[in-house]
Amino acid sequence: MEIPLTSPGPDAAHAFRLGLRAGAVVGIAGIMALYYFGVIELLFAGYALLVLFPVYLVFVAVVLSVWLGYDKDATALRPVYRRN
């Protein structure tokens, strides 16, 4: 039995945006809390914000996209033709 292929709707798009924003707030709050409590230095906090935080956001986006049904595999691909 095959699962019918349906595309995610506007509710999934809203949930994705909300989840990405929530993930960003949690990430920034985590870095700020680590700096506030003296676990990390200012230099590493800056490094985390500039280098590690974007990678964290990519992982959040990947998890949300899989959870909300945006992930597609090779069976979802269709050939592209150019019209002259």
PDB file of N, CA and C in Angstrom:
ATOM      1  N   MET A   1       0.837  -1.174   0.000  1.00  0.00           N
ATOM      2  CA  MET A   1       0.000   0.000   0.000  1.00  0.00           C
ATOM      3  C   MET A   1       0.883   1.239   0.000  1.00  0.00           C
ATOM      4  N   GLU A   2       0.640   2.102  -0.945  1.00  0.00           N
ATOM      5  CA  GLU A   2       1.448   3.311  -1.054  1.00  0.00           C
ATOM      6  C   GLU A   2       0.792   4.460  -0.303  1.00  0.00           C
ATOM      7  N   ILE A   3       1.644   5.285   0.268  1.00  0.00           N
ATOM      8  CA  ILE A   3       1.160   6.467   0.967  1.00  0.00           C
ATOM      9  C   ILE A   3       0.891   7.548  -0.071  1.00  0.00           C
ATOM     10  N   PRO A   4      -0.287   8.166  -0.036  1.00  0.00           N
ATOM     11  CA  PRO A   4      -0.544   9.216  -1.030  1.00  0.00           C
ATOM     12  C   PRO A   4       0.375  10.412  -0.808  1.00  0.00           C
ATOM     13  N   LEU A   5       0.896  10.950  -1.917  1.00  0.00           N
ATOM     14  CA  LEU A   5       1.807  12.082  -1.841  1.00  0.00           C
ATOM     15  C   LEU A   5       0.999  13.373  -1.776  1.00  0.00           C
ATOM     16  N   THR A   6       1.064  14.038  -0.666  1.00  0.00           N
ATOM     17  CA  THR A   6       0.413  15.329  -0.518  1.00  0.00           C
ATOM     18  C   THR A   6       1.466  16.348  -0.109  1.00  0.00           C
ATOM     19  N   SER A   7       1.288  17.546  -0.540  1.00  0.00           N
ATOM     20  CA  SER A   7       2.240  18.588  -0.165  1.00  0.00           C
ATOM     21  C   SER A   7       1.791  19.242   1.135  1.00  0.00           C
ATOM     22  N   PRO A   8       2.753  19.675   1.939  1.00  0.00           N
ATOM     23  CA  PRO A   8       2.403  20.359   3.172  1.00  0.00           C
ATOM     24  C   PRO A   8       1.645  21.650   2.874  1.00  0.00           C
ATOM     25  N   GLY A   9       0.707  21.958   3.725  1.00  0.00           N
ATOM     26  CA  GLY A   9      -0.133  23.129   3.498  1.00  0.00           C
ATOM     27  C   GLY A   9       0.370  24.373   4.201  1.00  0.00           C
ATOM     28  N   PRO A  10      -0.492  25.382   4.258  1.00  0.00           N
ATOM     29  CA  PRO A  10      -0.088  26.643   4.892  1.00  0.00           C
ATOM     30  C   PRO A  10       0.137  26.509   6.399  1.00  0.00           C
ATOM     31  N   ASP A  11      -0.538  25.570   7.029  1.00  0.00           N
ATOM     32  CA  ASP A  11      -0.300  25.362   8.457  1.00  0.00           C
ATOM     33  C   ASP A  11       1.107  24.834   8.709  1.00  0.00           C
ATOM     34  N   ALA A  12       1.590  23.973   7.827  1.00  0.00           N
ATOM     35  CA  ALA A  12       2.958  23.465   7.962  1.00  0.00           C
ATOM     36  C   ALA A  12       3.966  24.579   7.731  1.00  0.00           C
ATOM     37  N   ALA A  13       3.682  25.473   6.797  1.00  0.00           N
ATOM     38  CA  ALA A  13       4.585  26.603   6.552  1.00  0.00           C
ATOM     39  C   ALA A  13       4.640  27.520   7.767  1.00  0.00           C
ATOM     40  N   HIS A  14       3.481  27.754   8.379  1.00  0.00           N
ATOM     41  CA  HIS A  14       3.445  28.583   9.590  1.00  0.00           C
ATOM     42  C   HIS A  14       4.178  27.897  10.734  1.00  0.00           C
ATOM     43  N   ALA A  15       3.978  26.590  10.893  1.00  0.00           N
ATOM     44  CA  ALA A  15       4.664  25.851  11.952  1.00  0.00           C
ATOM     45  C   ALA A  15       6.170  25.845  11.729  1.00  0.00           C
ATOM     46  N   PHE A  16       6.610  25.772  10.477  1.00  0.00           N
ATOM     47  CA  PHE A  16       8.035  25.806  10.176  1.00  0.00           C
ATOM     48  C   PHE A  16       8.642  27.151  10.574  1.00  0.00           C
ATOM     49  N   ARG A  17       7.979  28.249  10.175  1.00  0.00           N
ATOM     50  CA  ARG A  17       8.479  29.580  10.538  1.00  0.00           C
ATOM     51  C   ARG A  17       8.502  29.770  12.048  1.00  0.00           C
ATOM     52  N   LEU A  18       7.447  29.350  12.723  1.00  0.00           N
ATOM     53  CA  LEU A  18       7.381  29.472  14.176  1.00  0.00           C
ATOM     54  C   LEU A  18       8.452  28.618  14.852  1.00  0.00           C
ATOM     55  N   GLY A  19       8.640  27.404  14.370  1.00  0.00           N
ATOM     56  CA  GLY A  19       9.657  26.523  14.939  1.00  0.00           C
ATOM     57  C   GLY A  19      11.063  27.046  14.723  1.00  0.00           C
ATOM     58  N   LEU A  20      11.310  27.630  13.562  1.00  0.00           N
ATOM     59  CA  LEU A  20      12.632  28.194  13.287  1.00  0.00           C
ATOM     60  C   LEU A  20      12.903  29.401  14.180  1.00  0.00           C
ATOM     61  N   ARG A  21      11.887  30.238  14.367  1.00  0.00           N
ATOM     62  CA  ARG A  21      12.055  31.378  15.271  1.00  0.00           C
ATOM     63  C   ARG A  21      12.258  30.923  16.706  1.00  0.00           C
ATOM     64  N   ALA A  22      11.488  29.935  17.135  1.00  0.00           N
ATOM     65  CA  ALA A  22      11.643  29.417  18.494  1.00  0.00           C
ATOM     66  C   ALA A  22      13.017  28.792  18.686  1.00  0.00           C
ATOM     67  N   GLY A  23      13.492  28.065  17.675  1.00  0.00           N
ATOM     68  CA  GLY A  23      14.824  27.488  17.745  1.00  0.00           C
ATOM     69  C   GLY A  23      15.905  28.543  17.833  1.00  0.00           C
ATOM     70  N   ALA A  24      15.719  29.646  17.105  1.00  0.00           N
ATOM     71  CA  ALA A  24      16.693  30.739  17.155  1.00  0.00           C
ATOM     72  C   ALA A  24      16.710  31.390  18.533  1.00  0.00           C
ATOM     73  N   VAL A  25      15.535  31.604  19.105  1.00  0.00           N
ATOM     74  CA  VAL A  25      15.459  32.202  20.442  1.00  0.00           C
ATOM     75  C   VAL A  25      16.102  31.292  21.474  1.00  0.00           C
ATOM     76  N   VAL A  26      15.828  29.997  21.388  1.00  0.00           N
ATOM     77  CA  VAL A  26      16.418  29.042  22.336  1.00  0.00           C
ATOM     78  C   VAL A  26      17.937  29.006  22.183  1.00  0.00           C
ATOM     79  N   GLY A  27      18.432  29.025  20.955  1.00  0.00           N
ATOM     80  CA  GLY A  27      19.875  28.999  20.725  1.00  0.00           C
ATOM     81  C   GLY A  27      20.579  30.233  21.266  1.00  0.00           C
ATOM     82  N   ILE A  28      20.013  31.399  20.983  1.00  0.00           N
ATOM     83  CA  ILE A  28      20.620  32.642  21.475  1.00  0.00           C
ATOM     84  C   ILE A  28      20.529  32.716  22.992  1.00  0.00           C
ATOM     85  N   ALA A  29      19.382  32.317  23.552  1.00  0.00           N
ATOM     86  CA  ALA A  29      19.238  32.326  25.014  1.00  0.00           C
ATOM     87  C   ALA A  29      20.218  31.355  25.666  1.00  0.00           C
ATOM     88  N   GLY A  30      20.464  30.226  25.015  1.00  0.00           N
ATOM     89  CA  GLY A  30      21.427  29.260  25.553  1.00  0.00           C
ATOM     90  C   GLY A  30      22.839  29.818  25.578  1.00  0.00           C
ATOM     91  N   ILE A  31      23.229  30.463  24.495  1.00  0.00           N
ATOM     92  CA  ILE A  31      24.570  31.060  24.449  1.00  0.00           C
ATOM     93  C   ILE A  31      24.685  32.181  25.478  1.00  0.00           C
ATOM     94  N   MET A  32      23.646  33.003  25.585  1.00  0.00           N
ATOM     95  CA  MET A  32      23.667  34.089  26.566  1.00  0.00           C
ATOM     96  C   MET A  32      23.717  33.553  27.992  1.00  0.00           C
ATOM     97  N   ALA A  33      22.977  32.488  28.257  1.00  0.00           N
ATOM     98  CA  ALA A  33      22.992  31.910  29.607  1.00  0.00           C
ATOM     99  C   ALA A  33      24.362  31.323  29.940  1.00  0.00           C
ATOM    100  N   LEU A  34      24.981  30.656  28.977  1.00  0.00           N
ATOM    101  CA  LEU A  34      26.316  30.113  29.220  1.00  0.00           C
ATOM    102  C   LEU A  34      27.324  31.219  29.505  1.00  0.00           C
ATOM    103  N   TYR A  35      27.205  32.333  28.789  1.00  0.00           N
ATOM    104  CA  TYR A  35      28.108  33.461  29.037  1.00  0.00           C
ATOM    105  C   TYR A  35      27.796  34.122  30.378  1.00  0.00           C
ATOM    106  N   TYR A  36      26.516  34.283  30.689  1.00  0.00           N
ATOM    107  CA  TYR A  36      26.115  34.941  31.926  1.00  0.00           C
ATOM    108  C   TYR A  36      26.604  34.173  33.156  1.00  0.00           C
ATOM    109  N   PHE A  37      26.510  32.860  33.110  1.00  0.00           N
ATOM    110  CA  PHE A  37      26.924  32.044  34.245  1.00  0.00           C
ATOM    111  C   PHE A  37      28.413  31.730  34.243  1.00  0.00           C
ATOM    112  N   GLY A  38      29.138  32.267  33.282  1.00  0.00           N
ATOM    113  CA  GLY A  38      30.585  32.135  33.274  1.00  0.00           C
ATOM    114  C   GLY A  38      31.110  30.812  32.756  1.00  0.00           C
ATOM    115  N   VAL A  39      30.282  30.066  32.061  1.00  0.00           N
ATOM    116  CA  VAL A  39      30.725  28.787  31.521  1.00  0.00           C
ATOM    117  C   VAL A  39      31.632  29.010  30.309  1.00  0.00           C
ATOM    118  N   ILE A  40      31.310  30.034  29.510  1.00  0.00           N
ATOM    119  CA  ILE A  40      32.116  30.353  28.336  1.00  0.00           C
ATOM    120  C   ILE A  40      32.568  31.812  28.413  1.00  0.00           C
ATOM    121  N   GLU A  41      33.658  32.105  27.733  1.00  0.00           N
ATOM    122  CA  GLU A  41      34.195  33.462  27.689  1.00  0.00           C
ATOM    123  C   GLU A  41      33.503  34.254  26.574  1.00  0.00           C
ATOM    124  N   LEU A  42      33.729  35.558  26.566  1.00  0.00           N
ATOM    125  CA  LEU A  42      33.123  36.429  25.564  1.00  0.00           C
ATOM    126  C   LEU A  42      33.590  36.065  24.154  1.00  0.00           C
ATOM    127  N   LEU A  43      34.859  35.718  24.018  1.00  0.00           N
ATOM    128  CA  LEU A  43      35.389  35.364  22.701  1.00  0.00           C
ATOM    129  C   LEU A  43      34.702  34.113  22.149  1.00  0.00           C
ATOM    130  N   PHE A  44      34.512  33.105  22.988  1.00  0.00           N
ATOM    131  CA  PHE A  44      33.836  31.889  22.520  1.00  0.00           C
ATOM    132  C   PHE A  44      32.352  32.142  22.282  1.00  0.00           C
ATOM    133  N   ALA A  45      31.744  33.021  23.070  1.00  0.00           N
ATOM    134  CA  ALA A  45      30.341  33.364  22.836  1.00  0.00           C
ATOM    135  C   ALA A  45      30.182  34.020  21.461  1.00  0.00           C
ATOM    136  N   GLY A  46      31.115  34.908  21.112  1.00  0.00           N
ATOM    137  CA  GLY A  46      31.084  35.517  19.788  1.00  0.00           C
ATOM    138  C   GLY A  46      31.309  34.496  18.687  1.00  0.00           C
ATOM    139  N   TYR A  47      32.242  33.587  18.916  1.00  0.00           N
ATOM    140  CA  TYR A  47      32.490  32.510  17.951  1.00  0.00           C
ATOM    141  C   TYR A  47      31.243  31.642  17.782  1.00  0.00           C
ATOM    142  N   ALA A  48      30.586  31.338  18.894  1.00  0.00           N
ATOM    143  CA  ALA A  48      29.384  30.514  18.837  1.00  0.00           C
ATOM    144  C   ALA A  48      28.271  31.221  18.063  1.00  0.00           C
ATOM    145  N   LEU A  49      28.137  32.528  18.262  1.00  0.00           N
ATOM    146  CA  LEU A  49      27.102  33.270  17.546  1.00  0.00           C
ATOM    147  C   LEU A  49      27.400  33.402  16.059  1.00  0.00           C
ATOM    148  N   LEU A  50      28.659  33.588  15.717  1.00  0.00           N
ATOM    149  CA  LEU A  50      28.998  33.824  14.311  1.00  0.00           C
ATOM    150  C   LEU A  50      29.230  32.556  13.501  1.00  0.00           C
ATOM    151  N   VAL A  51      29.714  31.492  14.148  1.00  0.00           N
ATOM    152  CA  VAL A  51      30.072  30.279  13.406  1.00  0.00           C
ATOM    153  C   VAL A  51      29.147  29.105  13.732  1.00  0.00           C
ATOM    154  N   LEU A  52      28.933  28.844  14.998  1.00  0.00           N
ATOM    155  CA  LEU A  52      28.164  27.661  15.389  1.00  0.00           C
ATOM    156  C   LEU A  52      26.653  27.861  15.298  1.00  0.00           C
ATOM    157  N   PHE A  53      26.184  29.065  15.562  1.00  0.00           N
ATOM    158  CA  PHE A  53      24.750  29.324  15.557  1.00  0.00           C
ATOM    159  C   PHE A  53      24.106  29.099  14.186  1.00  0.00           C
ATOM    160  N   PRO A  54      24.710  29.548  13.074  1.00  0.00           N
ATOM    161  CA  PRO A  54      24.096  29.236  11.777  1.00  0.00           C
ATOM    162  C   PRO A  54      24.029  27.731  11.479  1.00  0.00           C
ATOM    163  N   VAL A  55      25.019  26.989  11.902  1.00  0.00           N
ATOM    164  CA  VAL A  55      24.989  25.531  11.714  1.00  0.00           C
ATOM    165  C   VAL A  55      23.865  24.923  12.544  1.00  0.00           C
ATOM    166  N   TYR A  56      23.700  25.419  13.768  1.00  0.00           N
ATOM    167  CA  TYR A  56      22.600  24.973  14.625  1.00  0.00           C
ATOM    168  C   TYR A  56      21.253  25.259  13.956  1.00  0.00           C
ATOM    169  N   LEU A  57      21.110  26.428  13.352  1.00  0.00           N
ATOM    170  CA  LEU A  57      19.851  26.761  12.681  1.00  0.00           C
ATOM    171  C   LEU A  57      19.584  25.851  11.479  1.00  0.00           C
ATOM    172  N   VAL A  58      20.630  25.442  10.784  1.00  0.00           N
ATOM    173  CA  VAL A  58      20.443  24.494   9.676  1.00  0.00           C
ATOM    174  C   VAL A  58      19.922  23.164  10.211  1.00  0.00           C
ATOM    175  N   PHE A  59      20.483  22.697  11.323  1.00  0.00           N
ATOM    176  CA  PHE A  59      19.992  21.450  11.919  1.00  0.00           C
ATOM    177  C   PHE A  59      18.548  21.581  12.387  1.00  0.00           C
ATOM    178  N   VAL A  60      18.187  22.716  12.952  1.00  0.00           N
ATOM    179  CA  VAL A  60      16.799  22.954  13.360  1.00  0.00           C
ATOM    180  C   VAL A  60      15.881  22.922  12.145  1.00  0.00           C
ATOM    181  N   ALA A  61      16.302  23.553  11.058  1.00  0.00           N
ATOM    182  CA  ALA A  61      15.502  23.564   9.838  1.00  0.00           C
ATOM    183  C   ALA A  61      15.343  22.162   9.261  1.00  0.00           C
ATOM    184  N   VAL A  62      16.386  21.361   9.314  1.00  0.00           N
ATOM    185  CA  VAL A  62      16.307  19.992   8.801  1.00  0.00           C
ATOM    186  C   VAL A  62      15.335  19.165   9.622  1.00  0.00           C
ATOM    187  N   VAL A  63      15.426  19.269  10.932  1.00  0.00           N
ATOM    188  CA  VAL A  63      14.518  18.508  11.802  1.00  0.00           C
ATOM    189  C   VAL A  63      13.074  18.940  11.581  1.00  0.00           C
ATOM    190  N   LEU A  64      12.846  20.241  11.499  1.00  0.00           N
ATOM    191  CA  LEU A  64      11.484  20.727  11.265  1.00  0.00           C
ATOM    192  C   LEU A  64      10.956  20.301   9.898  1.00  0.00           C
ATOM    193  N   SER A  65      11.795  20.340   8.879  1.00  0.00           N
ATOM    194  CA  SER A  65      11.325  19.969   7.548  1.00  0.00           C
ATOM    195  C   SER A  65      10.959  18.498   7.467  1.00  0.00           C
ATOM    196  N   VAL A  66      11.718  17.653   8.134  1.00  0.00           N
ATOM    197  CA  VAL A  66      11.382  16.225   8.143  1.00  0.00           C
ATOM    198  C   VAL A  66      10.103  16.000   8.940  1.00  0.00           C
ATOM    199  N   TRP A  67      10.001  16.656  10.069  1.00  0.00           N
ATOM    200  CA  TRP A  67       8.835  16.474  10.933  1.00  0.00           C
ATOM    201  C   TRP A  67       7.555  16.960  10.262  1.00  0.00           C
ATOM    202  N   LEU A  68       7.636  18.055   9.509  1.00  0.00           N
ATOM    203  CA  LEU A  68       6.451  18.638   8.898  1.00  0.00           C
ATOM    204  C   LEU A  68       6.152  18.099   7.503  1.00  0.00           C
ATOM    205  N   GLY A  69       6.987  17.230   6.990  1.00  0.00           N
ATOM    206  CA  GLY A  69       6.699  16.589   5.708  1.00  0.00           C
ATOM    207  C   GLY A  69       7.270  17.295   4.503  1.00  0.00           C
ATOM    208  N   TYR A  70       8.253  18.150   4.686  1.00  0.00           N
ATOM    209  CA  TYR A  70       8.881  18.811   3.553  1.00  0.00           C
ATOM    210  C   TYR A  70       9.984  17.959   2.928  1.00  0.00           C
ATOM    211  N   ASP A  71      10.365  16.879   3.561  1.00  0.00           N
ATOM    212  CA  ASP A  71      11.444  16.051   3.023  1.00  0.00           C
ATOM    213  C   ASP A  71      10.932  15.255   1.830  1.00  0.00           C
ATOM    214  N   LYS A  72      11.702  15.248   0.804  1.00  0.00           N
ATOM    215  CA  LYS A  72      11.368  14.505  -0.410  1.00  0.00           C
ATOM    216  C   LYS A  72      12.547  13.623  -0.764  1.00  0.00           C
ATOM    217  N   ASP A  73      12.245  12.475  -1.375  1.00  0.00           N
ATOM    218  CA  ASP A  73      13.315  11.595  -1.807  1.00  0.00           C
ATOM    219  C   ASP A  73      13.358  11.577  -3.333  1.00  0.00           C
ATOM    220  N   ALA A  74      14.098  10.646  -3.875  1.00  0.00           N
ATOM    221  CA  ALA A  74      14.294  10.598  -5.323  1.00  0.00           C
ATOM    222  C   ALA A  74      13.008  10.284  -6.079  1.00  0.00           C
ATOM    223  N   THR A  75      12.038   9.664  -5.421  1.00  0.00           N
ATOM    224  CA  THR A  75      10.790   9.348  -6.120  1.00  0.00           C
ATOM    225  C   THR A  75       9.941  10.588  -6.358  1.00  0.00           C
ATOM    226  N   ALA A  76      10.209  11.671  -5.651  1.00  0.00           N
ATOM    227  CA  ALA A  76       9.435  12.902  -5.828  1.00  0.00           C
ATOM    228  C   ALA A  76       9.977  13.763  -6.969  1.00  0.00           C
ATOM    229  N   LEU A  77      11.094  13.361  -7.548  1.00  0.00           N
ATOM    230  CA  LEU A  77      11.687  14.145  -8.623  1.00  0.00           C
ATOM    231  C   LEU A  77      10.980  13.872  -9.943  1.00  0.00           C
ATOM    232  N   ARG A  78      10.818  14.906 -10.729  1.00  0.00           N
ATOM    233  CA  ARG A  78      10.233  14.778 -12.047  1.00  0.00           C
ATOM    234  C   ARG A  78      11.188  15.363 -13.070  1.00  0.00           C
ATOM    235  N   PRO A  79      11.225  14.823 -14.274  1.00  0.00           N
ATOM    236  CA  PRO A  79      12.136  15.383 -15.284  1.00  0.00           C
ATOM    237  C   PRO A  79      11.721  16.810 -15.658  1.00  0.00           C
ATOM    238  N   VAL A  80      12.715  17.589 -15.970  1.00  0.00           N
ATOM    239  CA  VAL A  80      12.484  18.977 -16.366  1.00  0.00           C
ATOM    240  C   VAL A  80      12.777  19.093 -17.857  1.00  0.00           C
ATOM    241  N   TYR A  81      11.852  19.680 -18.561  1.00  0.00           N
ATOM    242  CA  TYR A  81      12.019  19.873 -20.003  1.00  0.00           C
ATOM    243  C   TYR A  81      12.021  21.356 -20.296  1.00  0.00           C
ATOM    244  N   ARG A  82      12.837  21.727 -21.246  1.00  0.00           N
ATOM    245  CA  ARG A  82      12.897  23.132 -21.660  1.00  0.00           C
ATOM    246  C   ARG A  82      12.053  23.294 -22.914  1.00  0.00           C
ATOM    247  N   ARG A  83      11.170  24.292 -22.862  1.00  0.00           N
ATOM    248  CA  ARG A  83      10.337  24.578 -24.035  1.00  0.00           C
ATOM    249  C   ARG A  83      11.041  25.644 -24.887  1.00  0.00           C
ATOM    250  N   ASN A  84      11.096  25.398 -26.170  1.00  0.00           N
ATOM    251  CA  ASN A  84      11.740  26.346 -27.076  1.00  0.00           C
ATOM    252  C   ASN A  84      10.737  27.244 -27.731  1.00  0.00           C
TER     253      ASN A  84
END
